[in-house]
Amino acid sequence: MENQPSHNNLTVAPNGDFIIADYYNIEKITTSIRQKVPIESPIQMDLIEFKEWYENLLEFTCEEFLNWDRHLTMTYNCDSNSIDIKEDLR
């Protein structure tokens, strides 16, 4: 049996793109579910949880990988395809 990743977050961006995440990475689906592009983050993430869209920004929470005391609120911008740290919730 083929090893298949477990995605625990799925959302649709205002521009129609499908955005998925497992616990560590966020990806954008391009032409099919098999064609995904990773979205770079300024930190290594763990326990990603999508929250809500605010216009073109997806707000989500995560912890910094291997630094689980650092709880963060992050944003994904679907126009620039970028992730930024919004707030450090330590």
Protein backbone atom coordinates (compact mmCIF):
# COMPACT_ATOMS: atom_id res chain seq x y z
CA MET A 1 0.00 0.00 0.00
CA GLU A 2 1.30 3.45 -0.91
CA ASN A 3 2.15 5.77 1.97
CA GLN A 4 -0.27 8.70 1.76
CA PRO A 5 0.10 11.89 3.78
CA SER A 6 -2.57 12.77 6.28
CA HIS A 7 -3.92 16.26 5.65
CA ASN A 8 -5.93 17.63 8.54
CA ASN A 9 -6.75 21.11 7.17
CA LEU A 10 -8.45 22.09 3.91
CA THR A 11 -9.72 25.49 2.83
CA VAL A 12 -10.56 27.36 -0.34
CA ALA A 13 -8.90 30.74 -0.85
CA PRO A 14 -10.95 33.71 -2.09
CA ASN A 15 -9.20 33.33 -5.47
CA GLY A 16 -10.42 29.70 -5.73
CA ASP A 17 -7.15 27.93 -4.82
CA PHE A 18 -7.36 24.88 -2.57
CA ILE A 19 -4.98 25.11 0.40
CA ILE A 20 -4.15 22.00 2.45
CA ALA A 21 -1.99 21.32 5.48
CA ASP A 22 -0.76 18.41 7.50
CA TYR A 23 0.75 19.07 10.92
CA TYR A 24 4.01 20.49 9.50
CA ASN A 25 3.48 21.94 6.00
CA ILE A 26 1.04 24.02 3.98
CA GLU A 27 0.58 23.35 0.26
CA LYS A 28 -1.45 24.77 -2.60
CA ILE A 29 -3.16 22.33 -4.96
CA THR A 30 -2.48 23.29 -8.56
CA THR A 31 -3.95 21.25 -11.44
CA SER A 32 -4.93 18.13 -9.45
CA ILE A 33 -4.70 16.67 -5.94
CA ARG A 34 -1.45 15.00 -7.01
CA GLN A 35 0.03 18.35 -8.08
CA LYS A 36 0.84 20.39 -4.99
CA VAL A 37 3.22 23.29 -4.42
CA PRO A 38 4.73 23.75 -0.94
CA ILE A 39 4.33 27.21 0.60
CA GLU A 40 7.49 28.42 2.31
CA SER A 41 7.28 29.52 5.94
CA PRO A 42 9.67 31.73 7.93
CA ILE A 43 9.84 28.97 10.59
CA GLN A 44 9.46 25.21 10.74
CA MET A 45 5.89 24.65 11.87
CA ASP A 46 4.11 22.00 13.93
CA LEU A 47 0.44 21.47 14.83
CA ILE A 48 -0.93 23.76 12.09
CA GLU A 49 -4.59 24.67 12.53
CA PHE A 50 -6.48 26.86 10.03
CA LYS A 51 -8.75 29.46 11.64
CA GLU A 52 -10.42 32.03 9.34
CA TRP A 53 -10.09 34.04 6.13
CA TYR A 54 -9.89 37.84 6.35
CA GLU A 55 -10.10 38.99 2.72
CA ASN A 56 -6.94 37.52 1.11
CA LEU A 57 -5.34 36.43 4.44
CA LEU A 58 -5.81 33.02 6.05
CA GLU A 59 -5.16 33.17 9.77
CA PHE A 60 -3.85 29.99 11.37
CA THR A 61 -2.07 28.90 14.51
CA CYS A 62 0.93 26.67 14.96
CA GLU A 63 3.86 25.94 17.20
CA GLU A 64 7.46 26.31 16.18
CA PHE A 65 8.86 22.85 15.46
CA LEU A 66 11.16 21.67 18.28
CA ASN A 67 10.30 24.83 20.26
CA TRP A 68 6.83 23.87 21.49
CA ASP A 69 6.69 26.73 23.99
CA ARG A 70 6.46 29.16 21.08
CA HIS A 71 2.78 29.38 20.06
CA LEU A 72 2.18 31.56 16.99
CA THR A 73 -0.61 33.13 15.02
CA MET A 74 0.41 33.20 11.36
CA THR A 75 -1.12 34.48 8.13
CA TYR A 76 -1.04 33.07 4.62
CA ASN A 77 -1.51 35.65 1.85
CA CYS A 78 -3.13 33.99 -1.18
CA ASP A 79 -2.17 36.92 -3.46
CA SER A 80 1.57 36.81 -2.71
CA ASN A 81 1.61 33.08 -1.79
CA SER A 82 3.54 33.91 1.39
CA ILE A 83 3.37 33.14 5.11
CA ASP A 84 4.15 35.68 7.83
CA ILE A 85 4.21 35.64 11.61
CA LYS A 86 1.34 37.76 12.93
CA GLU A 87 1.67 37.27 16.67
CA ASP A 88 3.86 35.35 19.09
CA LEU A 89 1.54 33.92 21.80
CA ARG A 90 4.18 32.74 24.27
